[in-house]
């Protein structure tokens, strides 16, 4: 794609009237990974901003007022996990809570608990994304001149390997010449 001594790149740059930078595959992969990580963080931050943290307030439960919330707390249902695990029949024993309200409270608490757990898992995933996967060692820097020299050597080696030249013909002829020399010595 680069072409002999960068010829294809220069031609493409000239045709497009643009600057073309040649990057290693590793550099491109790193840039893509960084861009994806930024996009993921942005998306997660937007989701957090719209959903907000899960707050537990019994008075926001369906059919629960301040008095009923106080009675639920006195009965041992002041924590979200307790309410989410409770059977509706148990909540009906609390004064002011009927069968429909009991079911609605348990469903509400279970939904809040699930949302809280999802947010905790998302936060844990975000923390893991921020940690480097592998210890990063500083990459050796290569300036433009070194890069072009390495590129030229690689292209020259590739041309030498790909093109059948005199070396192959001479190498194939050498065993025949050696056999002829042996034959002459033997006579």
C-alpha atoms as a PDB file:
ATOM      1  CA  UNK A   1       0.000   0.000   0.000  1.00  0.00           C
ATOM      2  CA  UNK A   2       2.879   2.364   0.746  1.00  0.00           C
ATOM      3  CA  UNK A   3       4.614   1.660  -2.545  1.00  0.00           C
ATOM      4  CA  UNK A   4       8.250   1.684  -3.486  1.00  0.00           C
ATOM      5  CA  UNK A   5       9.946   4.377  -1.378  1.00  0.00           C
ATOM      6  CA  UNK A   6       6.525   5.756  -0.444  1.00  0.00           C
ATOM      7  CA  UNK A   7       5.576   6.417  -4.061  1.00  0.00           C
ATOM      8  CA  UNK A   8       1.943   5.282  -3.693  1.00  0.00           C
ATOM      9  CA  UNK A   9       1.420   7.337  -0.560  1.00  0.00           C
ATOM     10  CA  UNK A  10       2.862  10.457  -2.159  1.00  0.00           C
ATOM     11  CA  UNK A  11       0.714   9.952  -5.247  1.00  0.00           C
ATOM     12  CA  UNK A  12      -2.450   9.403  -3.191  1.00  0.00           C
ATOM     13  CA  UNK A  13      -1.674  12.490  -1.104  1.00  0.00           C
ATOM     14  CA  UNK A  14      -1.171  14.540  -4.238  1.00  0.00           C
ATOM     15  CA  UNK A  15      -4.371  13.247  -5.879  1.00  0.00           C
ATOM     16  CA  UNK A  16      -6.447  13.869  -2.776  1.00  0.00           C
ATOM     17  CA  UNK A  17      -4.705  17.121  -1.951  1.00  0.00           C
ATOM     18  CA  UNK A  18      -4.327  15.827   1.601  1.00  0.00           C
ATOM     19  CA  UNK A  19      -1.612  14.916   4.053  1.00  0.00           C
ATOM     20  CA  UNK A  20      -1.312  11.165   4.619  1.00  0.00           C
ATOM     21  CA  UNK A  21       0.369   9.922   7.776  1.00  0.00           C
ATOM     22  CA  UNK A  22       1.645   6.362   7.842  1.00  0.00           C
ATOM     23  CA  UNK A  23       1.056   4.669  11.194  1.00  0.00           C
ATOM     24  CA  UNK A  24       1.861   1.226  12.485  1.00  0.00           C
ATOM     25  CA  UNK A  25      -0.938  -1.228  13.088  1.00  0.00           C
ATOM     26  CA  UNK A  26      -0.272  -1.051  16.823  1.00  0.00           C
ATOM     27  CA  UNK A  27      -0.634   2.736  16.846  1.00  0.00           C
ATOM     28  CA  UNK A  28      -3.956   2.534  15.012  1.00  0.00           C
ATOM     29  CA  UNK A  29      -5.250  -0.170  17.363  1.00  0.00           C
ATOM     30  CA  UNK A  30      -4.259   1.947  20.378  1.00  0.00           C
ATOM     31  CA  UNK A  31      -6.026   5.000  18.951  1.00  0.00           C
ATOM     32  CA  UNK A  32      -9.191   2.995  18.263  1.00  0.00           C
ATOM     33  CA  UNK A  33      -9.116   1.479  21.767  1.00  0.00           C
ATOM     34  CA  UNK A  34      -8.705   4.930  23.332  1.00  0.00           C
ATOM     35  CA  UNK A  35     -11.564   6.342  21.267  1.00  0.00           C
ATOM     36  CA  UNK A  36     -13.837   3.428  22.231  1.00  0.00           C
ATOM     37  CA  UNK A  37     -12.964   3.812  25.911  1.00  0.00           C
ATOM     38  CA  UNK A  38     -13.794   7.537  25.762  1.00  0.00           C
ATOM     39  CA  UNK A  39     -17.102   6.814  24.011  1.00  0.00           C
ATOM     40  CA  UNK A  40     -17.982   4.176  26.616  1.00  0.00           C
ATOM     41  CA  UNK A  41     -17.150   6.522  29.498  1.00  0.00           C
ATOM     42  CA  UNK A  42     -19.224   9.288  27.929  1.00  0.00           C
ATOM     43  CA  UNK A  43     -22.176   6.960  27.400  1.00  0.00           C
ATOM     44  CA  UNK A  44     -21.957   5.666  30.965  1.00  0.00           C
ATOM     45  CA  UNK A  45     -21.705   9.218  32.344  1.00  0.00           C
ATOM     46  CA  UNK A  46     -24.772  10.283  30.352  1.00  0.00           C
ATOM     47  CA  UNK A  47     -26.695   7.247  31.597  1.00  0.00           C
ATOM     48  CA  UNK A  48     -25.697   8.013  35.184  1.00  0.00           C
ATOM     49  CA  UNK A  49     -26.771  11.622  34.773  1.00  0.00           C
ATOM     50  CA  UNK A  50     -30.195  10.649  33.444  1.00  0.00           C
ATOM     51  CA  UNK A  51     -30.860   7.811  35.858  1.00  0.00           C
ATOM     52  CA  UNK A  52     -29.272   9.317  38.956  1.00  0.00           C
ATOM     53  CA  UNK A  53     -28.220   7.324  41.971  1.00  0.00           C
ATOM     54  CA  UNK A  54     -30.729   4.965  43.534  1.00  0.00           C
ATOM     55  CA  UNK A  55     -32.097   6.570  46.652  1.00  0.00           C
ATOM     56  CA  UNK A  56     -34.293   4.711  49.064  1.00  0.00           C
ATOM     57  CA  UNK A  57     -37.154   6.634  50.619  1.00  0.00           C
ATOM     58  CA  UNK A  58     -40.161   4.670  51.837  1.00  0.00           C
ATOM     59  CA  UNK A  59     -42.487   7.615  51.318  1.00  0.00           C
ATOM     60  CA  UNK A  60     -41.917   7.337  47.540  1.00  0.00           C
ATOM     61  CA  UNK A  61     -43.193   3.759  47.496  1.00  0.00           C
ATOM     62  CA  UNK A  62     -46.635   3.344  45.905  1.00  0.00           C
ATOM     63  CA  UNK A  63     -49.426   3.779  48.443  1.00  0.00           C
ATOM     64  CA  UNK A  64     -47.095   4.658  51.315  1.00  0.00           C
ATOM     65  CA  UNK A  65     -47.393   7.886  53.247  1.00  0.00           C
ATOM     66  CA  UNK A  66     -45.296   9.197  56.106  1.00  0.00           C
ATOM     67  CA  UNK A  67     -47.285   7.316  58.789  1.00  0.00           C
ATOM     68  CA  UNK A  68     -47.187   4.009  56.914  1.00  0.00           C
ATOM     69  CA  UNK A  69     -43.476   4.477  56.192  1.00  0.00           C
ATOM     70  CA  UNK A  70     -42.849   4.915  59.933  1.00  0.00           C
ATOM     71  CA  UNK A  71     -44.842   1.775  60.744  1.00  0.00           C
ATOM     72  CA  UNK A  72     -42.935  -0.229  58.076  1.00  0.00           C
ATOM     73  CA  UNK A  73     -39.643   0.927  59.625  1.00  0.00           C
ATOM     74  CA  UNK A  74     -40.840  -0.060  63.106  1.00  0.00           C
ATOM     75  CA  UNK A  75     -41.750  -3.514  61.744  1.00  0.00           C
ATOM     76  CA  UNK A  76     -38.187  -4.007  60.461  1.00  0.00           C
ATOM     77  CA  UNK A  77     -38.709  -3.007  56.825  1.00  0.00           C
ATOM     78  CA  UNK A  78     -36.658   0.177  56.848  1.00  0.00           C
ATOM     79  CA  UNK A  79     -33.987  -1.199  54.495  1.00  0.00           C
ATOM     80  CA  UNK A  80     -34.354  -1.702  50.735  1.00  0.00           C
ATOM     81  CA  UNK A  81     -33.086  -5.286  50.767  1.00  0.00           C
ATOM     82  CA  UNK A  82     -35.526  -6.255  53.550  1.00  0.00           C
ATOM     83  CA  UNK A  83     -38.455  -4.866  51.573  1.00  0.00           C
ATOM     84  CA  UNK A  84     -37.321  -6.484  48.292  1.00  0.00           C
ATOM     85  CA  UNK A  85     -37.046  -9.925  49.955  1.00  0.00           C
ATOM     86  CA  UNK A  86     -40.259  -9.626  51.963  1.00  0.00           C
ATOM     87  CA  UNK A  87     -43.359 -11.592  51.087  1.00  0.00           C
ATOM     88  CA  UNK A  88     -46.407  -9.385  50.440  1.00  0.00           C
ATOM     89  CA  UNK A  89     -48.327 -11.350  53.097  1.00  0.00           C
ATOM     90  CA  UNK A  90     -45.801 -10.239  55.736  1.00  0.00           C
ATOM     91  CA  UNK A  91     -46.243  -6.578  54.791  1.00  0.00           C
ATOM     92  CA  UNK A  92     -50.028  -6.904  55.065  1.00  0.00           C
ATOM     93  CA  UNK A  93     -49.558  -7.429  58.809  1.00  0.00           C
ATOM     94  CA  UNK A  94     -48.356  -3.827  59.092  1.00  0.00           C
ATOM     95  CA  UNK A  95     -51.159  -1.401  59.900  1.00  0.00           C
ATOM     96  CA  UNK A  96     -52.256   0.596  56.841  1.00  0.00           C
ATOM     97  CA  UNK A  97     -50.891  -1.857  54.233  1.00  0.00           C
ATOM     98  CA  UNK A  98     -53.405  -3.811  52.193  1.00  0.00           C
ATOM     99  CA  UNK A  99     -52.794  -6.721  49.738  1.00  0.00           C
ATOM    100  CA  UNK A 100     -52.461  -4.524  46.628  1.00  0.00           C
ATOM    101  CA  UNK A 101     -50.208  -2.034  48.378  1.00  0.00           C
ATOM    102  CA  UNK A 102     -48.056  -4.840  49.808  1.00  0.00           C
ATOM    103  CA  UNK A 103     -47.503  -6.322  46.333  1.00  0.00           C
ATOM    104  CA  UNK A 104     -46.763  -2.864  44.878  1.00  0.00           C
ATOM    105  CA  UNK A 105     -44.233  -2.108  47.659  1.00  0.00           C
ATOM    106  CA  UNK A 106     -42.393  -5.411  47.150  1.00  0.00           C
ATOM    107  CA  UNK A 107     -42.265  -4.908  43.359  1.00  0.00           C
ATOM    108  CA  UNK A 108     -41.079  -1.313  43.807  1.00  0.00           C
ATOM    109  CA  UNK A 109     -38.350  -2.373  46.250  1.00  0.00           C
ATOM    110  CA  UNK A 110     -37.218  -5.252  44.014  1.00  0.00           C
ATOM    111  CA  UNK A 111     -36.975  -2.883  41.038  1.00  0.00           C
ATOM    112  CA  UNK A 112     -34.963  -0.343  43.044  1.00  0.00           C
ATOM    113  CA  UNK A 113     -32.625  -3.063  44.353  1.00  0.00           C
ATOM    114  CA  UNK A 114     -32.051  -4.407  40.820  1.00  0.00           C
ATOM    115  CA  UNK A 115     -31.292  -0.903  39.538  1.00  0.00           C
ATOM    116  CA  UNK A 116     -28.871  -0.313  42.419  1.00  0.00           C
ATOM    117  CA  UNK A 117     -27.090  -3.605  41.651  1.00  0.00           C
ATOM    118  CA  UNK A 118     -26.836  -2.731  37.942  1.00  0.00           C
ATOM    119  CA  UNK A 119     -25.306   0.639  38.767  1.00  0.00           C
ATOM    120  CA  UNK A 120     -22.804  -0.980  41.117  1.00  0.00           C
ATOM    121  CA  UNK A 121     -21.814  -3.474  38.418  1.00  0.00           C
ATOM    122  CA  UNK A 122     -21.457  -0.669  35.869  1.00  0.00           C
ATOM    123  CA  UNK A 123     -19.259   1.312  38.262  1.00  0.00           C
ATOM    124  CA  UNK A 124     -17.083  -1.760  38.835  1.00  0.00           C
ATOM    125  CA  UNK A 125     -16.748  -2.267  35.081  1.00  0.00           C
ATOM    126  CA  UNK A 126     -15.776   1.384  34.653  1.00  0.00           C
ATOM    127  CA  UNK A 127     -13.107   0.998  37.338  1.00  0.00           C
ATOM    128  CA  UNK A 128     -11.694  -2.047  35.527  1.00  0.00           C
ATOM    129  CA  UNK A 129     -11.634  -0.130  32.232  1.00  0.00           C
ATOM    130  CA  UNK A 130      -9.524   2.575  33.798  1.00  0.00           C
ATOM    131  CA  UNK A 131      -6.881   0.059  34.915  1.00  0.00           C
ATOM    132  CA  UNK A 132      -4.254  -0.745  32.296  1.00  0.00           C
ATOM    133  CA  UNK A 133      -4.558  -4.303  30.991  1.00  0.00           C
ATOM    134  CA  UNK A 134      -0.823  -4.734  30.640  1.00  0.00           C
ATOM    135  CA  UNK A 135       1.967  -2.771  32.208  1.00  0.00           C
ATOM    136  CA  UNK A 136       2.937  -0.230  29.604  1.00  0.00           C
ATOM    137  CA  UNK A 137       6.549   0.094  28.684  1.00  0.00           C
ATOM    138  CA  UNK A 138       7.619   3.193  26.841  1.00  0.00           C
ATOM    139  CA  UNK A 139       7.769   2.425  23.152  1.00  0.00           C
ATOM    140  CA  UNK A 140      11.054   3.220  21.515  1.00  0.00           C
ATOM    141  CA  UNK A 141      10.709   6.430  19.570  1.00  0.00           C
ATOM    142  CA  UNK A 142      11.498   6.401  15.886  1.00  0.00           C
ATOM    143  CA  UNK A 143      11.936   9.650  14.045  1.00  0.00           C
ATOM    144  CA  UNK A 144      10.979  10.134  10.401  1.00  0.00           C
ATOM    145  CA  UNK A 145      14.476   9.534   9.092  1.00  0.00           C
ATOM    146  CA  UNK A 146      14.862   6.230  10.973  1.00  0.00           C
ATOM    147  CA  UNK A 147      11.406   5.165   9.840  1.00  0.00           C
ATOM    148  CA  UNK A 148      12.161   5.883   6.189  1.00  0.00           C
ATOM    149  CA  UNK A 149      15.487   4.041   6.449  1.00  0.00           C
ATOM    150  CA  UNK A 150      13.798   0.989   8.006  1.00  0.00           C
ATOM    151  CA  UNK A 151      11.046   1.145   5.410  1.00  0.00           C
ATOM    152  CA  UNK A 152      13.579   1.326   2.582  1.00  0.00           C
ATOM    153  CA  UNK A 153      15.483  -1.685   3.955  1.00  0.00           C
ATOM    154  CA  UNK A 154      12.274  -3.684   4.293  1.00  0.00           C
ATOM    155  CA  UNK A 155      11.165  -2.825   0.775  1.00  0.00           C
ATOM    156  CA  UNK A 156      14.595  -3.709  -0.647  1.00  0.00           C
ATOM    157  CA  UNK A 157      14.535  -7.047   1.186  1.00  0.00           C
ATOM    158  CA  UNK A 158      11.032  -7.724  -0.069  1.00  0.00           C
ATOM    159  CA  UNK A 159      12.067  -6.943  -3.646  1.00  0.00           C
ATOM    160  CA  UNK A 160      15.131  -9.179  -3.355  1.00  0.00           C
ATOM    161  CA  UNK A 161      13.041 -12.060  -1.987  1.00  0.00           C
ATOM    162  CA  UNK A 162      10.226 -11.682  -4.505  1.00  0.00           C
ATOM    163  CA  UNK A 163      12.124 -11.149  -7.759  1.00  0.00           C
ATOM    164  CA  UNK A 164      13.923 -14.180  -9.261  1.00  0.00           C
ATOM    165  CA  UNK A 165      17.347 -12.904 -10.113  1.00  0.00           C
ATOM    166  CA  UNK A 166      20.825 -13.964 -10.922  1.00  0.00           C
ATOM    167  CA  UNK A 167      21.300 -15.372  -7.433  1.00  0.00           C
ATOM    168  CA  UNK A 168      18.756 -18.141  -8.019  1.00  0.00           C
ATOM    169  CA  UNK A 169      20.173 -19.059 -11.411  1.00  0.00           C
ATOM    170  CA  UNK A 170      23.715 -19.158 -10.110  1.00  0.00           C
ATOM    171  CA  UNK A 171      22.664 -21.184  -7.069  1.00  0.00           C
ATOM    172  CA  UNK A 172      20.890 -23.718  -9.275  1.00  0.00           C
ATOM    173  CA  UNK A 173      23.888 -23.939 -11.611  1.00  0.00           C
ATOM    174  CA  UNK A 174      26.443 -24.433  -8.803  1.00  0.00           C
ATOM    175  CA  UNK A 175      25.599 -28.092  -8.047  1.00  0.00           C
ATOM    176  CA  UNK A 176      25.856 -28.943 -11.751  1.00  0.00           C
ATOM    177  CA  UNK A 177      29.257 -27.227 -12.010  1.00  0.00           C
ATOM    178  CA  UNK A 178      30.482 -29.017  -8.907  1.00  0.00           C
ATOM    179  CA  UNK A 179      29.385 -32.357 -10.363  1.00  0.00           C
ATOM    180  CA  UNK A 180      31.192 -31.585 -13.643  1.00  0.00           C
ATOM    181  CA  UNK A 181      34.374 -30.680 -11.729  1.00  0.00           C
ATOM    182  CA  UNK A 182      34.200 -33.970  -9.822  1.00  0.00           C
ATOM    183  CA  UNK A 183      33.740 -35.870 -13.055  1.00  0.00           C
ATOM    184  CA  UNK A 184      36.831 -34.236 -14.604  1.00  0.00           C
ATOM    185  CA  UNK A 185      38.964 -35.023 -11.546  1.00  0.00           C
ATOM    186  CA  UNK A 186      37.840 -38.618 -11.582  1.00  0.00           C
ATOM    187  CA  UNK A 187      38.871 -39.126 -15.218  1.00  0.00           C
END
